[in-house]
Amino acid sequence: MSFPMKKDFQPRPLKSLFERNKAWAEIMETTQLREIEIEVVTKMLACGTPMMGFREYCCENENCDHQKLVCFTCKGRGCPSCGKN
């Protein structure tokens, strides 16, 4: 049995819009938001970063110090990278 390969995580432009010029911080200060809205956007902004947790993979060759961090995703429906259409 084979499983389909999942494509690599691709950050979306929406995340950069929330981060640009501290837009999300300004929205939080000036707008009354529901708790779920805050939770969804906060998870989306943390998606694919070490804040969501990560797994470290190291080369098994004792002469190699190559390592890779793979950050976890939020798996949220409101996330443009993780959400289902």
PDB file of N, CA and C in Angstrom:
ATOM      1  N   MET A   1       0.858  -1.169   0.000  1.00  0.00           N
ATOM      2  CA  MET A   1       0.000   0.000   0.000  1.00  0.00           C
ATOM      3  C   MET A   1       0.905   1.233   0.000  1.00  0.00           C
ATOM      4  N   SER A   2       0.619   2.172  -0.871  1.00  0.00           N
ATOM      5  CA  SER A   2       1.400   3.408  -0.879  1.00  0.00           C
ATOM      6  C   SER A   2       0.500   4.575  -0.500  1.00  0.00           C
ATOM      7  N   PHE A   3       1.112   5.549   0.107  1.00  0.00           N
ATOM      8  CA  PHE A   3       0.394   6.734   0.539  1.00  0.00           C
ATOM      9  C   PHE A   3       0.817   7.904  -0.328  1.00  0.00           C
ATOM     10  N   PRO A   4      -0.121   8.785  -0.679  1.00  0.00           N
ATOM     11  CA  PRO A   4       0.259   9.945  -1.490  1.00  0.00           C
ATOM     12  C   PRO A   4       1.195  10.851  -0.699  1.00  0.00           C
ATOM     13  N   MET A   5       2.195  11.370  -1.379  1.00  0.00           N
ATOM     14  CA  MET A   5       3.132  12.290  -0.737  1.00  0.00           C
ATOM     15  C   MET A   5       2.450  13.633  -0.538  1.00  0.00           C
ATOM     16  N   LYS A   6       2.612  14.171   0.628  1.00  0.00           N
ATOM     17  CA  LYS A   6       2.056  15.482   0.925  1.00  0.00           C
ATOM     18  C   LYS A   6       3.031  16.537   0.422  1.00  0.00           C
ATOM     19  N   LYS A   7       2.512  17.542  -0.261  1.00  0.00           N
ATOM     20  CA  LYS A   7       3.411  18.581  -0.756  1.00  0.00           C
ATOM     21  C   LYS A   7       4.000  19.372   0.402  1.00  0.00           C
ATOM     22  N   ASP A   8       5.154  19.944   0.169  1.00  0.00           N
ATOM     23  CA  ASP A   8       5.827  20.722   1.208  1.00  0.00           C
ATOM     24  C   ASP A   8       4.960  21.886   1.645  1.00  0.00           C
ATOM     25  N   PHE A   9       5.104  22.243   2.894  1.00  0.00           N
ATOM     26  CA  PHE A   9       4.389  23.391   3.450  1.00  0.00           C
ATOM     27  C   PHE A   9       4.754  24.646   2.670  1.00  0.00           C
ATOM     28  N   GLN A  10       3.765  25.387   2.241  1.00  0.00           N
ATOM     29  CA  GLN A  10       3.984  26.627   1.502  1.00  0.00           C
ATOM     30  C   GLN A  10       3.294  27.771   2.239  1.00  0.00           C
ATOM     31  N   PRO A  11       4.082  28.700   2.796  1.00  0.00           N
ATOM     32  CA  PRO A  11       3.456  29.858   3.437  1.00  0.00           C
ATOM     33  C   PRO A  11       2.614  30.636   2.428  1.00  0.00           C
ATOM     34  N   ARG A  12       1.574  31.234   2.874  1.00  0.00           N
ATOM     35  CA  ARG A  12       0.676  31.975   1.991  1.00  0.00           C
ATOM     36  C   ARG A  12       0.803  33.478   2.218  1.00  0.00           C
ATOM     37  N   PRO A  13       0.469  34.263   1.210  1.00  0.00           N
ATOM     38  CA  PRO A  13       0.566  35.723   1.330  1.00  0.00           C
ATOM     39  C   PRO A  13      -0.294  36.308   2.452  1.00  0.00           C
ATOM     40  N   LEU A  14      -1.374  35.636   2.814  1.00  0.00           N
ATOM     41  CA  LEU A  14      -2.247  36.142   3.874  1.00  0.00           C
ATOM     42  C   LEU A  14      -1.474  36.342   5.179  1.00  0.00           C
ATOM     43  N   LYS A  15      -0.577  35.421   5.477  1.00  0.00           N
ATOM     44  CA  LYS A  15       0.218  35.527   6.703  1.00  0.00           C
ATOM     45  C   LYS A  15       1.054  36.806   6.699  1.00  0.00           C
ATOM     46  N   SER A  16       1.657  37.119   5.565  1.00  0.00           N
ATOM     47  CA  SER A  16       2.494  38.327   5.505  1.00  0.00           C
ATOM     48  C   SER A  16       1.655  39.595   5.621  1.00  0.00           C
ATOM     49  N   LEU A  17       0.409  39.557   5.165  1.00  0.00           N
ATOM     50  CA  LEU A  17      -0.461  40.728   5.315  1.00  0.00           C
ATOM     51  C   LEU A  17      -0.757  41.022   6.786  1.00  0.00           C
ATOM     52  N   PHE A  18      -0.965  39.978   7.566  1.00  0.00           N
ATOM     53  CA  PHE A  18      -1.223  40.162   8.998  1.00  0.00           C
ATOM     54  C   PHE A  18       0.024  40.644   9.726  1.00  0.00           C
ATOM     55  N   GLU A  19       1.203  40.231   9.244  1.00  0.00           N
ATOM     56  CA  GLU A  19       2.456  40.591   9.914  1.00  0.00           C
ATOM     57  C   GLU A  19       3.006  41.938   9.464  1.00  0.00           C
ATOM     58  N   ARG A  20       2.683  42.360   8.254  1.00  0.00           N
ATOM     59  CA  ARG A  20       3.234  43.606   7.704  1.00  0.00           C
ATOM     60  C   ARG A  20       2.784  44.802   8.537  1.00  0.00           C
ATOM     61  N   ASN A  21       3.728  45.640   8.889  1.00  0.00           N
ATOM     62  CA  ASN A  21       3.474  46.867   9.661  1.00  0.00           C
ATOM     63  C   ASN A  21       2.682  46.605  10.947  1.00  0.00           C
ATOM     64  N   LYS A  22       2.855  45.418  11.499  1.00  0.00           N
ATOM     65  CA  LYS A  22       2.177  45.033  12.749  1.00  0.00           C
ATOM     66  C   LYS A  22       0.658  45.173  12.636  1.00  0.00           C
ATOM     67  N   ALA A  23       0.131  44.795  11.470  1.00  0.00           N
ATOM     68  CA  ALA A  23      -1.305  44.938  11.210  1.00  0.00           C
ATOM     69  C   ALA A  23      -2.151  44.154  12.206  1.00  0.00           C
ATOM     70  N   TRP A  24      -1.731  42.922  12.541  1.00  0.00           N
ATOM     71  CA  TRP A  24      -2.528  42.115  13.461  1.00  0.00           C
ATOM     72  C   TRP A  24      -2.568  42.757  14.844  1.00  0.00           C
ATOM     73  N   ALA A  25      -1.457  43.291  15.300  1.00  0.00           N
ATOM     74  CA  ALA A  25      -1.433  43.963  16.604  1.00  0.00           C
ATOM     75  C   ALA A  25      -2.369  45.167  16.595  1.00  0.00           C
ATOM     76  N   GLU A  26      -2.390  45.897  15.498  1.00  0.00           N
ATOM     77  CA  GLU A  26      -3.279  47.060  15.396  1.00  0.00           C
ATOM     78  C   GLU A  26      -4.746  46.635  15.382  1.00  0.00           C
ATOM     79  N   ILE A  27      -5.049  45.575  14.657  1.00  0.00           N
ATOM     80  CA  ILE A  27      -6.427  45.065  14.619  1.00  0.00           C
ATOM     81  C   ILE A  27      -6.860  44.642  16.022  1.00  0.00           C
ATOM     82  N   MET A  28      -5.966  43.964  16.730  1.00  0.00           N
ATOM     83  CA  MET A  28      -6.282  43.508  18.091  1.00  0.00           C
ATOM     84  C   MET A  28      -6.568  44.692  19.018  1.00  0.00           C
ATOM     85  N   GLU A  29      -5.847  45.786  18.838  1.00  0.00           N
ATOM     86  CA  GLU A  29      -6.019  46.957  19.707  1.00  0.00           C
ATOM     87  C   GLU A  29      -7.258  47.778  19.363  1.00  0.00           C
ATOM     88  N   THR A  30      -7.627  47.820  18.085  1.00  0.00           N
ATOM     89  CA  THR A  30      -8.677  48.741  17.650  1.00  0.00           C
ATOM     90  C   THR A  30     -10.022  48.079  17.366  1.00  0.00           C
ATOM     91  N   THR A  31     -10.066  46.765  17.347  1.00  0.00           N
ATOM     92  CA  THR A  31     -11.289  46.062  16.963  1.00  0.00           C
ATOM     93  C   THR A  31     -11.679  45.066  18.043  1.00  0.00           C
ATOM     94  N   GLN A  32     -12.974  44.983  18.291  1.00  0.00           N
ATOM     95  CA  GLN A  32     -13.457  43.986  19.238  1.00  0.00           C
ATOM     96  C   GLN A  32     -13.652  42.679  18.474  1.00  0.00           C
ATOM     97  N   LEU A  33     -12.829  41.701  18.784  1.00  0.00           N
ATOM     98  CA  LEU A  33     -12.870  40.415  18.091  1.00  0.00           C
ATOM     99  C   LEU A  33     -13.389  39.331  19.019  1.00  0.00           C
ATOM    100  N   ARG A  34     -14.009  38.325  18.418  1.00  0.00           N
ATOM    101  CA  ARG A  34     -14.435  37.166  19.195  1.00  0.00           C
ATOM    102  C   ARG A  34     -13.207  36.315  19.515  1.00  0.00           C
ATOM    103  N   GLU A  35     -13.283  35.554  20.564  1.00  0.00           N
ATOM    104  CA  GLU A  35     -12.170  34.695  20.987  1.00  0.00           C
ATOM    105  C   GLU A  35     -11.761  33.722  19.879  1.00  0.00           C
ATOM    106  N   ILE A  36     -12.736  33.169  19.161  1.00  0.00           N
ATOM    107  CA  ILE A  36     -12.427  32.213  18.093  1.00  0.00           C
ATOM    108  C   ILE A  36     -11.656  32.888  16.962  1.00  0.00           C
ATOM    109  N   GLU A  37     -11.963  34.139  16.661  1.00  0.00           N
ATOM    110  CA  GLU A  37     -11.235  34.868  15.613  1.00  0.00           C
ATOM    111  C   GLU A  37      -9.777  35.077  16.015  1.00  0.00           C
ATOM    112  N   ILE A  38      -9.575  35.430  17.264  1.00  0.00           N
ATOM    113  CA  ILE A  38      -8.214  35.621  17.768  1.00  0.00           C
ATOM    114  C   ILE A  38      -7.451  34.300  17.720  1.00  0.00           C
ATOM    115  N   GLU A  39      -8.105  33.221  18.140  1.00  0.00           N
ATOM    116  CA  GLU A  39      -7.469  31.902  18.162  1.00  0.00           C
ATOM    117  C   GLU A  39      -7.072  31.442  16.759  1.00  0.00           C
ATOM    118  N   VAL A  40      -7.974  31.597  15.793  1.00  0.00           N
ATOM    119  CA  VAL A  40      -7.711  31.142  14.424  1.00  0.00           C
ATOM    120  C   VAL A  40      -6.553  31.911  13.800  1.00  0.00           C
ATOM    121  N   VAL A  41      -6.554  33.226  13.940  1.00  0.00           N
ATOM    122  CA  VAL A  41      -5.489  34.034  13.336  1.00  0.00           C
ATOM    123  C   VAL A  41      -4.162  33.789  14.047  1.00  0.00           C
ATOM    124  N   THR A  42      -4.191  33.664  15.354  1.00  0.00           N
ATOM    125  CA  THR A  42      -2.959  33.405  16.096  1.00  0.00           C
ATOM    126  C   THR A  42      -2.346  32.069  15.688  1.00  0.00           C
ATOM    127  N   LYS A  43      -3.182  31.033  15.542  1.00  0.00           N
ATOM    128  CA  LYS A  43      -2.686  29.731  15.086  1.00  0.00           C
ATOM    129  C   LYS A  43      -2.131  29.823  13.671  1.00  0.00           C
ATOM    130  N   MET A  44      -2.821  30.557  12.792  1.00  0.00           N
ATOM    131  CA  MET A  44      -2.373  30.707  11.413  1.00  0.00           C
ATOM    132  C   MET A  44      -1.010  31.397  11.358  1.00  0.00           C
ATOM    133  N   LEU A  45      -0.810  32.411  12.199  1.00  0.00           N
ATOM    134  CA  LEU A  45       0.462  33.128  12.210  1.00  0.00           C
ATOM    135  C   LEU A  45       1.601  32.263  12.756  1.00  0.00           C
ATOM    136  N   ALA A  46       1.280  31.347  13.663  1.00  0.00           N
ATOM    137  CA  ALA A  46       2.301  30.467  14.240  1.00  0.00           C
ATOM    138  C   ALA A  46       2.553  29.225  13.393  1.00  0.00           C
ATOM    139  N   CYS A  47       1.697  28.964  12.431  1.00  0.00           N
ATOM    140  CA  CYS A  47       1.783  27.760  11.608  1.00  0.00           C
ATOM    141  C   CYS A  47       3.137  27.673  10.900  1.00  0.00           C
ATOM    142  N   GLY A  48       3.755  26.510  10.991  1.00  0.00           N
ATOM    143  CA  GLY A  48       5.019  26.281  10.307  1.00  0.00           C
ATOM    144  C   GLY A  48       6.214  26.946  10.964  1.00  0.00           C
ATOM    145  N   THR A  49       6.041  27.414  12.194  1.00  0.00           N
ATOM    146  CA  THR A  49       7.139  28.033  12.933  1.00  0.00           C
ATOM    147  C   THR A  49       7.452  27.174  14.158  1.00  0.00           C
ATOM    148  N   PRO A  50       8.604  27.368  14.765  1.00  0.00           N
ATOM    149  CA  PRO A  50       8.925  26.599  15.973  1.00  0.00           C
ATOM    150  C   PRO A  50       7.926  26.806  17.116  1.00  0.00           C
ATOM    151  N   MET A  51       7.133  27.878  17.075  1.00  0.00           N
ATOM    152  CA  MET A  51       6.121  28.100  18.118  1.00  0.00           C
ATOM    153  C   MET A  51       5.095  26.971  18.157  1.00  0.00           C
ATOM    154  N   MET A  52       4.864  26.303  17.030  1.00  0.00           N
ATOM    155  CA  MET A  52       3.914  25.192  16.975  1.00  0.00           C
ATOM    156  C   MET A  52       4.576  23.870  17.360  1.00  0.00           C
ATOM    157  N   GLY A  53       5.860  23.914  17.620  1.00  0.00           N
ATOM    158  CA  GLY A  53       6.624  22.707  17.914  1.00  0.00           C
ATOM    159  C   GLY A  53       7.361  22.256  16.660  1.00  0.00           C
ATOM    160  N   PHE A  54       8.313  21.379  16.852  1.00  0.00           N
ATOM    161  CA  PHE A  54       9.091  20.914  15.711  1.00  0.00           C
ATOM    162  C   PHE A  54       9.730  19.573  16.018  1.00  0.00           C
ATOM    163  N   ARG A  55      10.212  18.946  14.972  1.00  0.00           N
ATOM    164  CA  ARG A  55      10.953  17.689  15.091  1.00  0.00           C
ATOM    165  C   ARG A  55      12.325  17.915  14.486  1.00  0.00           C
ATOM    166  N   GLU A  56      13.354  17.475  15.161  1.00  0.00           N
ATOM    167  CA  GLU A  56      14.717  17.637  14.665  1.00  0.00           C
ATOM    168  C   GLU A  56      15.202  16.302  14.116  1.00  0.00           C
ATOM    169  N   TYR A  57      15.682  16.329  12.893  1.00  0.00           N
ATOM    170  CA  TYR A  57      16.236  15.147  12.258  1.00  0.00           C
ATOM    171  C   TYR A  57      17.730  15.354  12.069  1.00  0.00           C
ATOM    172  N   CYS A  58      18.506  14.344  12.437  1.00  0.00           N
ATOM    173  CA  CYS A  58      19.963  14.418  12.315  1.00  0.00           C
ATOM    174  C   CYS A  58      20.444  13.285  11.419  1.00  0.00           C
ATOM    175  N   CYS A  59      21.514  13.555  10.714  1.00  0.00           N
ATOM    176  CA  CYS A  59      22.118  12.559   9.842  1.00  0.00           C
ATOM    177  C   CYS A  59      22.634  11.394  10.687  1.00  0.00           C
ATOM    178  N   GLU A  60      22.428  10.172  10.193  1.00  0.00           N
ATOM    179  CA  GLU A  60      22.876   8.994  10.934  1.00  0.00           C
ATOM    180  C   GLU A  60      24.370   8.738  10.774  1.00  0.00           C
ATOM    181  N   ASN A  61      24.990   9.388   9.815  1.00  0.00           N
ATOM    182  CA  ASN A  61      26.425   9.240   9.597  1.00  0.00           C
ATOM    183  C   ASN A  61      27.156   9.972  10.717  1.00  0.00           C
ATOM    184  N   GLU A  62      27.988   9.263  11.460  1.00  0.00           N
ATOM    185  CA  GLU A  62      28.672   9.881  12.605  1.00  0.00           C
ATOM    186  C   GLU A  62      29.660  10.962  12.200  1.00  0.00           C
ATOM    187  N   ASN A  63      30.065  10.992  10.943  1.00  0.00           N
ATOM    188  CA  ASN A  63      30.991  12.019  10.457  1.00  0.00           C
ATOM    189  C   ASN A  63      30.272  13.248   9.904  1.00  0.00           C
ATOM    190  N   CYS A  64      28.967  13.245   9.977  1.00  0.00           N
ATOM    191  CA  CYS A  64      28.167  14.340   9.413  1.00  0.00           C
ATOM    192  C   CYS A  64      27.376  15.016  10.530  1.00  0.00           C
ATOM    193  N   ASP A  65      27.372  16.324  10.523  1.00  0.00           N
ATOM    194  CA  ASP A  65      26.587  17.037  11.538  1.00  0.00           C
ATOM    195  C   ASP A  65      25.352  17.698  10.929  1.00  0.00           C
ATOM    196  N   HIS A  66      24.938  17.217   9.757  1.00  0.00           N
ATOM    197  CA  HIS A  66      23.768  17.769   9.084  1.00  0.00           C
ATOM    198  C   HIS A  66      22.519  17.480   9.908  1.00  0.00           C
ATOM    199  N   GLN A  67      21.698  18.496  10.068  1.00  0.00           N
ATOM    200  CA  GLN A  67      20.437  18.333  10.778  1.00  0.00           C
ATOM    201  C   GLN A  67      19.378  19.212  10.135  1.00  0.00           C
ATOM    202  N   LYS A  68      18.138  18.850  10.350  1.00  0.00           N
ATOM    203  CA  LYS A  68      17.029  19.610   9.778  1.00  0.00           C
ATOM    204  C   LYS A  68      15.913  19.695  10.802  1.00  0.00           C
ATOM    205  N   LEU A  69      15.365  20.894  10.955  1.00  0.00           N
ATOM    206  CA  LEU A  69      14.195  21.094  11.805  1.00  0.00           C
ATOM    207  C   LEU A  69      12.966  21.121  10.910  1.00  0.00           C
ATOM    208  N   VAL A  70      11.980  20.360  11.274  1.00  0.00           N
ATOM    209  CA  VAL A  70      10.713  20.365  10.553  1.00  0.00           C
ATOM    210  C   VAL A  70       9.660  20.887  11.524  1.00  0.00           C
ATOM    211  N   CYS A  71       9.153  22.068  11.230  1.00  0.00           N
ATOM    212  CA  CYS A  71       8.169  22.705  12.110  1.00  0.00           C
ATOM    213  C   CYS A  71       6.787  22.119  11.869  1.00  0.00           C
ATOM    214  N   PHE A  72       6.025  21.977  12.935  1.00  0.00           N
ATOM    215  CA  PHE A  72       4.669  21.455  12.839  1.00  0.00           C
ATOM    216  C   PHE A  72       3.731  22.532  12.304  1.00  0.00           C
ATOM    217  N   THR A  73       2.669  22.090  11.686  1.00  0.00           N
ATOM    218  CA  THR A  73       1.652  23.007  11.180  1.00  0.00           C
ATOM    219  C   THR A  73       0.493  23.066  12.171  1.00  0.00           C
ATOM    220  N   CYS A  74      -0.389  24.039  11.980  1.00  0.00           N
ATOM    221  CA  CYS A  74      -1.499  24.228  12.922  1.00  0.00           C
ATOM    222  C   CYS A  74      -2.675  23.298  12.637  1.00  0.00           C
ATOM    223  N   LYS A  75      -2.789  22.822  11.407  1.00  0.00           N
ATOM    224  CA  LYS A  75      -3.886  21.943  10.983  1.00  0.00           C
ATOM    225  C   LYS A  75      -5.256  22.598  11.172  1.00  0.00           C
ATOM    226  N   GLY A  76      -5.275  23.921  11.148  1.00  0.00           N
ATOM    227  CA  GLY A  76      -6.519  24.655  11.351  1.00  0.00           C
ATOM    228  C   GLY A  76      -7.296  24.863  10.057  1.00  0.00           C
ATOM    229  N   ARG A  77      -8.607  24.824  10.152  1.00  0.00           N
ATOM    230  CA  ARG A  77      -9.455  25.045   8.973  1.00  0.00           C
ATOM    231  C   ARG A  77      -9.336  26.459   8.449  1.00  0.00           C
ATOM    232  N   GLY A  78      -9.028  27.415   9.318  1.00  0.00           N
ATOM    233  CA  GLY A  78      -8.919  28.807   8.904  1.00  0.00           C
ATOM    234  C   GLY A  78      -7.560  29.172   8.342  1.00  0.00           C
ATOM    235  N   CYS A  79      -6.647  28.239   8.325  1.00  0.00           N
ATOM    236  CA  CYS A  79      -5.291  28.500   7.837  1.00  0.00           C
ATOM    237  C   CYS A  79      -5.235  28.263   6.331  1.00  0.00           C
ATOM    238  N   PRO A  80      -4.716  29.227   5.558  1.00  0.00           N
ATOM    239  CA  PRO A  80      -4.653  29.035   4.110  1.00  0.00           C
ATOM    240  C   PRO A  80      -3.671  27.944   3.693  1.00  0.00           C
ATOM    241  N   SER A  81      -2.733  27.561   4.552  1.00  0.00           N
ATOM    242  CA  SER A  81      -1.797  26.491   4.222  1.00  0.00           C
ATOM    243  C   SER A  81      -2.334  25.119   4.623  1.00  0.00           C
ATOM    244  N   CYS A  82      -3.096  25.042   5.681  1.00  0.00           N
ATOM    245  CA  CYS A  82      -3.558  23.760   6.213  1.00  0.00           C
ATOM    246  C   CYS A  82      -5.033  23.476   5.944  1.00  0.00           C
ATOM    247  N   GLY A  83      -5.826  24.517   5.817  1.00  0.00           N
ATOM    248  CA  GLY A  83      -7.276  24.362   5.724  1.00  0.00           C
ATOM    249  C   GLY A  83      -7.725  23.600   4.497  1.00  0.00           C
ATOM    250  N   LYS A  84      -8.832  22.964   4.636  1.00  0.00           N
ATOM    251  CA  LYS A  84      -9.418  22.213   3.526  1.00  0.00           C
ATOM    252  C   LYS A  84     -10.366  23.122   2.755  1.00  0.00           C
ATOM    253  N   ASN A  85     -10.363  22.986   1.449  1.00  0.00           N
ATOM    254  CA  ASN A  85     -11.286  23.774   0.604  1.00  0.00           C
ATOM    255  C   ASN A  85     -12.618  23.099   0.507  1.00  0.00           C
TER     256      ASN A  85
END
